[in-house]
């Protein structure tokens, strides 16, 4: 069997706390709800997503 490409399904801004999930049906990022509240963060934030090298896009 070959190598499979994985894509992220959740991301969080390290500056304002905005949380988004990948919507497979519409093929776009959507704002996540948590405890009935949308995690929109700040509308003025230049989002710094939690990209730290821990996510491994390729798996065998």
PDB file of N, CA and C in Angstrom:
ATOM      1  N   UNK A   1       0.835  -1.178   0.000  1.00  0.00           N
ATOM      2  CA  UNK A   1       0.000   0.000   0.000  1.00  0.00           C
ATOM      3  C   UNK A   1       0.880   1.241   0.000  1.00  0.00           C
ATOM      4  N   UNK A   2       0.425   2.329  -0.633  1.00  0.00           N
ATOM      5  CA  UNK A   2       1.200   3.558  -0.771  1.00  0.00           C
ATOM      6  C   UNK A   2       1.028   4.509   0.396  1.00  0.00           C
ATOM      7  N   UNK A   3       1.510   5.696   0.179  1.00  0.00           N
ATOM      8  CA  UNK A   3       1.424   6.756   1.179  1.00  0.00           C
ATOM      9  C   UNK A   3       0.140   7.554   0.964  1.00  0.00           C
ATOM     10  N   UNK A   4      -0.561   7.860   2.043  1.00  0.00           N
ATOM     11  CA  UNK A   4      -1.811   8.620   1.966  1.00  0.00           C
ATOM     12  C   UNK A   4      -1.578  10.052   2.432  1.00  0.00           C
ATOM     13  N   UNK A   5      -2.199  11.015   1.749  1.00  0.00           N
ATOM     14  CA  UNK A   5      -2.126  12.413   2.139  1.00  0.00           C
ATOM     15  C   UNK A   5      -3.280  12.737   3.080  1.00  0.00           C
ATOM     16  N   UNK A   6      -2.951  13.274   4.255  1.00  0.00           N
ATOM     17  CA  UNK A   6      -3.960  13.700   5.228  1.00  0.00           C
ATOM     18  C   UNK A   6      -4.054  15.214   5.191  1.00  0.00           C
ATOM     19  N   UNK A   7      -5.232  15.749   5.414  1.00  0.00           N
ATOM     20  CA  UNK A   7      -5.414  17.198   5.486  1.00  0.00           C
ATOM     21  C   UNK A   7      -5.967  17.555   6.860  1.00  0.00           C
ATOM     22  N   UNK A   8      -5.661  18.759   7.362  1.00  0.00           N
ATOM     23  CA  UNK A   8      -6.188  19.154   8.669  1.00  0.00           C
ATOM     24  C   UNK A   8      -7.698  19.326   8.614  1.00  0.00           C
ATOM     25  N   UNK A   9      -8.362  19.069   9.727  1.00  0.00           N
ATOM     26  CA  UNK A   9      -9.815  19.222   9.783  1.00  0.00           C
ATOM     27  C   UNK A   9     -10.240  20.245  10.839  1.00  0.00           C
ATOM     28  N   UNK A  10      -9.282  20.741  11.617  1.00  0.00           N
ATOM     29  CA  UNK A  10      -9.575  21.713  12.671  1.00  0.00           C
ATOM     30  C   UNK A  10      -8.368  22.638  12.817  1.00  0.00           C
ATOM     31  N   UNK A  11      -8.641  23.923  13.031  1.00  0.00           N
ATOM     32  CA  UNK A  11      -7.552  24.868  13.263  1.00  0.00           C
ATOM     33  C   UNK A  11      -8.007  25.933  14.258  1.00  0.00           C
ATOM     34  N   UNK A  12      -7.028  26.451  15.024  1.00  0.00           N
ATOM     35  CA  UNK A  12      -7.324  27.455  16.049  1.00  0.00           C
ATOM     36  C   UNK A  12      -6.298  28.579  15.962  1.00  0.00           C
ATOM     37  N   UNK A  13      -6.779  29.818  16.017  1.00  0.00           N
ATOM     38  CA  UNK A  13      -5.894  30.978  15.979  1.00  0.00           C
ATOM     39  C   UNK A  13      -5.223  31.138  17.342  1.00  0.00           C
ATOM     40  N   UNK A  14      -3.904  31.258  17.326  1.00  0.00           N
ATOM     41  CA  UNK A  14      -3.160  31.402  18.572  1.00  0.00           C
ATOM     42  C   UNK A  14      -3.275  32.800  19.162  1.00  0.00           C
ATOM     43  N   UNK A  15      -3.740  33.775  18.387  1.00  0.00           N
ATOM     44  CA  UNK A  15      -3.850  35.150  18.871  1.00  0.00           C
ATOM     45  C   UNK A  15      -5.223  35.451  19.484  1.00  0.00           C
ATOM     46  N   UNK A  16      -6.313  35.071  18.778  1.00  0.00           N
ATOM     47  CA  UNK A  16      -7.641  35.496  19.239  1.00  0.00           C
ATOM     48  C   UNK A  16      -8.556  34.342  19.650  1.00  0.00           C
ATOM     49  N   UNK A  17      -8.146  33.097  19.415  1.00  0.00           N
ATOM     50  CA  UNK A  17      -8.942  31.955  19.848  1.00  0.00           C
ATOM     51  C   UNK A  17     -10.000  31.482  18.862  1.00  0.00           C
ATOM     52  N   UNK A  18     -10.052  32.068  17.655  1.00  0.00           N
ATOM     53  CA  UNK A  18     -11.013  31.617  16.643  1.00  0.00           C
ATOM     54  C   UNK A  18     -10.748  30.151  16.328  1.00  0.00           C
ATOM     55  N   UNK A  19     -11.822  29.358  16.259  1.00  0.00           N
ATOM     56  CA  UNK A  19     -11.698  27.937  15.939  1.00  0.00           C
ATOM     57  C   UNK A  19     -12.529  27.649  14.696  1.00  0.00           C
ATOM     58  N   UNK A  20     -11.924  26.971  13.730  1.00  0.00           N
ATOM     59  CA  UNK A  20     -12.609  26.611  12.495  1.00  0.00           C
ATOM     60  C   UNK A  20     -12.454  25.125  12.229  1.00  0.00           C
ATOM     61  N   UNK A  21     -13.442  24.566  11.527  1.00  0.00           N
ATOM     62  CA  UNK A  21     -13.375  23.170  11.102  1.00  0.00           C
ATOM     63  C   UNK A  21     -13.609  23.116   9.601  1.00  0.00           C
ATOM     64  N   UNK A  22     -13.107  22.082   8.952  1.00  0.00           N
ATOM     65  CA  UNK A  22     -13.248  21.912   7.514  1.00  0.00           C
ATOM     66  C   UNK A  22     -14.589  21.256   7.202  1.00  0.00           C
ATOM     67  N   UNK A  23     -15.406  21.932   6.396  1.00  0.00           N
ATOM     68  CA  UNK A  23     -16.711  21.422   5.970  1.00  0.00           C
ATOM     69  C   UNK A  23     -16.517  20.659   4.663  1.00  0.00           C
ATOM     70  N   UNK A  24     -16.594  19.342   4.742  1.00  0.00           N
ATOM     71  CA  UNK A  24     -16.380  18.483   3.571  1.00  0.00           C
ATOM     72  C   UNK A  24     -17.393  18.748   2.465  1.00  0.00           C
ATOM     73  N   UNK A  25     -18.649  18.982   2.831  1.00  0.00           N
ATOM     74  CA  UNK A  25     -19.704  19.169   1.833  1.00  0.00           C
ATOM     75  C   UNK A  25     -19.490  20.435   1.002  1.00  0.00           C
ATOM     76  N   UNK A  26     -19.167  21.544   1.657  1.00  0.00           N
ATOM     77  CA  UNK A  26     -18.991  22.821   0.960  1.00  0.00           C
ATOM     78  C   UNK A  26     -17.533  23.117   0.599  1.00  0.00           C
ATOM     79  N   UNK A  27     -16.625  22.268   1.070  1.00  0.00           N
ATOM     80  CA  UNK A  27     -15.192  22.411   0.823  1.00  0.00           C
ATOM     81  C   UNK A  27     -14.677  23.798   1.227  1.00  0.00           C
ATOM     82  N   UNK A  28     -14.966  24.171   2.473  1.00  0.00           N
ATOM     83  CA  UNK A  28     -14.508  25.452   3.023  1.00  0.00           C
ATOM     84  C   UNK A  28     -14.391  25.352   4.544  1.00  0.00           C
ATOM     85  N   UNK A  29     -13.686  26.311   5.150  1.00  0.00           N
ATOM     86  CA  UNK A  29     -13.574  26.372   6.602  1.00  0.00           C
ATOM     87  C   UNK A  29     -14.814  27.039   7.178  1.00  0.00           C
ATOM     88  N   UNK A  30     -15.323  26.517   8.299  1.00  0.00           N
ATOM     89  CA  UNK A  30     -16.493  27.056   9.010  1.00  0.00           C
ATOM     90  C   UNK A  30     -16.113  27.335  10.458  1.00  0.00           C
ATOM     91  N   UNK A  31     -16.768  28.328  11.056  1.00  0.00           N
ATOM     92  CA  UNK A  31     -16.520  28.662  12.461  1.00  0.00           C
ATOM     93  C   UNK A  31     -17.153  27.595  13.346  1.00  0.00           C
ATOM     94  N   UNK A  32     -16.411  27.143  14.316  1.00  0.00           N
ATOM     95  CA  UNK A  32     -16.868  26.084  15.213  1.00  0.00           C
ATOM     96  C   UNK A  32     -17.685  26.662  16.364  1.00  0.00           C
ATOM     97  N   UNK A  33     -18.673  25.910  16.776  1.00  0.00           N
ATOM     98  CA  UNK A  33     -19.439  26.256  17.976  1.00  0.00           C
ATOM     99  C   UNK A  33     -18.957  25.397  19.131  1.00  0.00           C
ATOM    100  N   UNK A  34     -18.875  26.017  20.301  1.00  0.00           N
ATOM    101  CA  UNK A  34     -18.445  25.304  21.502  1.00  0.00           C
ATOM    102  C   UNK A  34     -19.314  25.788  22.656  1.00  0.00           C
ATOM    103  N   UNK A  35     -20.025  24.884  23.286  1.00  0.00           N
ATOM    104  CA  UNK A  35     -20.954  25.208  24.370  1.00  0.00           C
ATOM    105  C   UNK A  35     -21.998  26.228  23.922  1.00  0.00           C
ATOM    106  N   UNK A  36     -22.482  26.085  22.680  1.00  0.00           N
ATOM    107  CA  UNK A  36     -23.516  26.960  22.151  1.00  0.00           C
ATOM    108  C   UNK A  36     -23.031  28.338  21.710  1.00  0.00           C
ATOM    109  N   UNK A  37     -21.728  28.564  21.741  1.00  0.00           N
ATOM    110  CA  UNK A  37     -21.157  29.860  21.374  1.00  0.00           C
ATOM    111  C   UNK A  37     -20.219  29.693  20.184  1.00  0.00           C
ATOM    112  N   UNK A  38     -20.370  30.567  19.189  1.00  0.00           N
ATOM    113  CA  UNK A  38     -19.474  30.523  18.038  1.00  0.00           C
ATOM    114  C   UNK A  38     -18.122  31.097  18.429  1.00  0.00           C
ATOM    115  N   UNK A  39     -17.060  30.383  18.123  1.00  0.00           N
ATOM    116  CA  UNK A  39     -15.697  30.788  18.469  1.00  0.00           C
ATOM    117  C   UNK A  39     -15.111  31.652  17.343  1.00  0.00           C
ATOM    118  N   UNK A  40     -15.661  32.893  17.216  1.00  0.00           N
ATOM    119  CA  UNK A  40     -15.289  33.760  16.103  1.00  0.00           C
ATOM    120  C   UNK A  40     -13.978  34.511  16.304  1.00  0.00           C
ATOM    121  N   UNK A  41     -13.555  34.694  17.538  1.00  0.00           N
ATOM    122  CA  UNK A  41     -12.329  35.442  17.786  1.00  0.00           C
ATOM    123  C   UNK A  41     -12.526  36.911  17.484  1.00  0.00           C
ATOM    124  N   UNK A  42     -11.489  37.571  17.023  1.00  0.00           N
ATOM    125  CA  UNK A  42     -11.532  38.999  16.714  1.00  0.00           C
ATOM    126  C   UNK A  42     -11.636  39.221  15.209  1.00  0.00           C
ATOM    127  N   UNK A  43     -12.564  40.081  14.766  1.00  0.00           N
ATOM    128  CA  UNK A  43     -12.674  40.343  13.329  1.00  0.00           C
ATOM    129  C   UNK A  43     -11.471  41.118  12.780  1.00  0.00           C
ATOM    130  N   UNK A  44     -10.657  41.699  13.646  1.00  0.00           N
ATOM    131  CA  UNK A  44      -9.500  42.481  13.222  1.00  0.00           C
ATOM    132  C   UNK A  44      -8.189  41.693  13.283  1.00  0.00           C
ATOM    133  N   UNK A  45      -8.264  40.452  13.694  1.00  0.00           N
ATOM    134  CA  UNK A  45      -7.075  39.616  13.846  1.00  0.00           C
ATOM    135  C   UNK A  45      -6.584  39.111  12.482  1.00  0.00           C
ATOM    136  N   UNK A  46      -5.265  39.122  12.307  1.00  0.00           N
ATOM    137  CA  UNK A  46      -4.660  38.449  11.151  1.00  0.00           C
ATOM    138  C   UNK A  46      -4.285  37.072  11.691  1.00  0.00           C
ATOM    139  N   UNK A  47      -5.182  36.122  11.541  1.00  0.00           N
ATOM    140  CA  UNK A  47      -5.112  34.842  12.239  1.00  0.00           C
ATOM    141  C   UNK A  47      -3.772  34.133  12.086  1.00  0.00           C
ATOM    142  N   UNK A  48      -3.255  33.720  13.212  1.00  0.00           N
ATOM    143  CA  UNK A  48      -2.032  32.930  13.285  1.00  0.00           C
ATOM    144  C   UNK A  48      -2.465  31.530  13.696  1.00  0.00           C
ATOM    145  N   UNK A  49      -2.618  30.652  12.700  1.00  0.00           N
ATOM    146  CA  UNK A  49      -3.117  29.304  12.963  1.00  0.00           C
ATOM    147  C   UNK A  49      -2.055  28.480  13.661  1.00  0.00           C
ATOM    148  N   UNK A  50      -2.498  27.499  14.406  1.00  0.00           N
ATOM    149  CA  UNK A  50      -1.618  26.665  15.231  1.00  0.00           C
ATOM    150  C   UNK A  50      -0.800  25.697  14.376  1.00  0.00           C
ATOM    151  N   UNK A  51       0.049  26.269  13.544  1.00  0.00           N
ATOM    152  CA  UNK A  51       0.926  25.464  12.697  1.00  0.00           C
ATOM    153  C   UNK A  51       2.252  25.345  13.426  1.00  0.00           C
ATOM    154  N   UNK A  52       2.532  24.148  13.914  1.00  0.00           N
ATOM    155  CA  UNK A  52       3.733  23.984  14.728  1.00  0.00           C
ATOM    156  C   UNK A  52       4.601  22.804  14.292  1.00  0.00           C
ATOM    157  N   UNK A  53       4.245  22.180  13.198  1.00  0.00           N
ATOM    158  CA  UNK A  53       5.038  21.058  12.711  1.00  0.00           C
ATOM    159  C   UNK A  53       4.632  19.724  13.293  1.00  0.00           C
ATOM    160  N   UNK A  54       3.670  19.690  14.220  1.00  0.00           N
ATOM    161  CA  UNK A  54       3.245  18.430  14.829  1.00  0.00           C
ATOM    162  C   UNK A  54       2.321  17.629  13.904  1.00  0.00           C
ATOM    163  N   UNK A  55       1.599  18.317  13.017  1.00  0.00           N
ATOM    164  CA  UNK A  55       0.690  17.632  12.096  1.00  0.00           C
ATOM    165  C   UNK A  55       1.526  16.974  11.004  1.00  0.00           C
ATOM    166  N   UNK A  56       1.273  15.702  10.775  1.00  0.00           N
ATOM    167  CA  UNK A  56       2.002  14.952   9.760  1.00  0.00           C
ATOM    168  C   UNK A  56       1.068  14.675   8.585  1.00  0.00           C
ATOM    169  N   UNK A  57       1.272  15.370   7.443  1.00  0.00           N
ATOM    170  CA  UNK A  57       0.352  15.237   6.328  1.00  0.00           C
ATOM    171  C   UNK A  57       0.436  13.898   5.594  1.00  0.00           C
ATOM    172  N   UNK A  58       1.508  13.172   5.762  1.00  0.00           N
ATOM    173  CA  UNK A  58       1.650  11.895   5.069  1.00  0.00           C
ATOM    174  C   UNK A  58       1.650  10.741   6.069  1.00  0.00           C
ATOM    175  N   UNK A  59       0.901   9.714   5.757  1.00  0.00           N
ATOM    176  CA  UNK A  59       0.920   8.521   6.603  1.00  0.00           C
ATOM    177  C   UNK A  59       1.014   7.296   5.709  1.00  0.00           C
ATOM    178  N   UNK A  60       1.619   6.282   6.229  1.00  0.00           N
ATOM    179  CA  UNK A  60       1.791   5.053   5.446  1.00  0.00           C
ATOM    180  C   UNK A  60       0.692   4.068   5.724  1.00  0.00           C
TER     181      UNK A  60
END
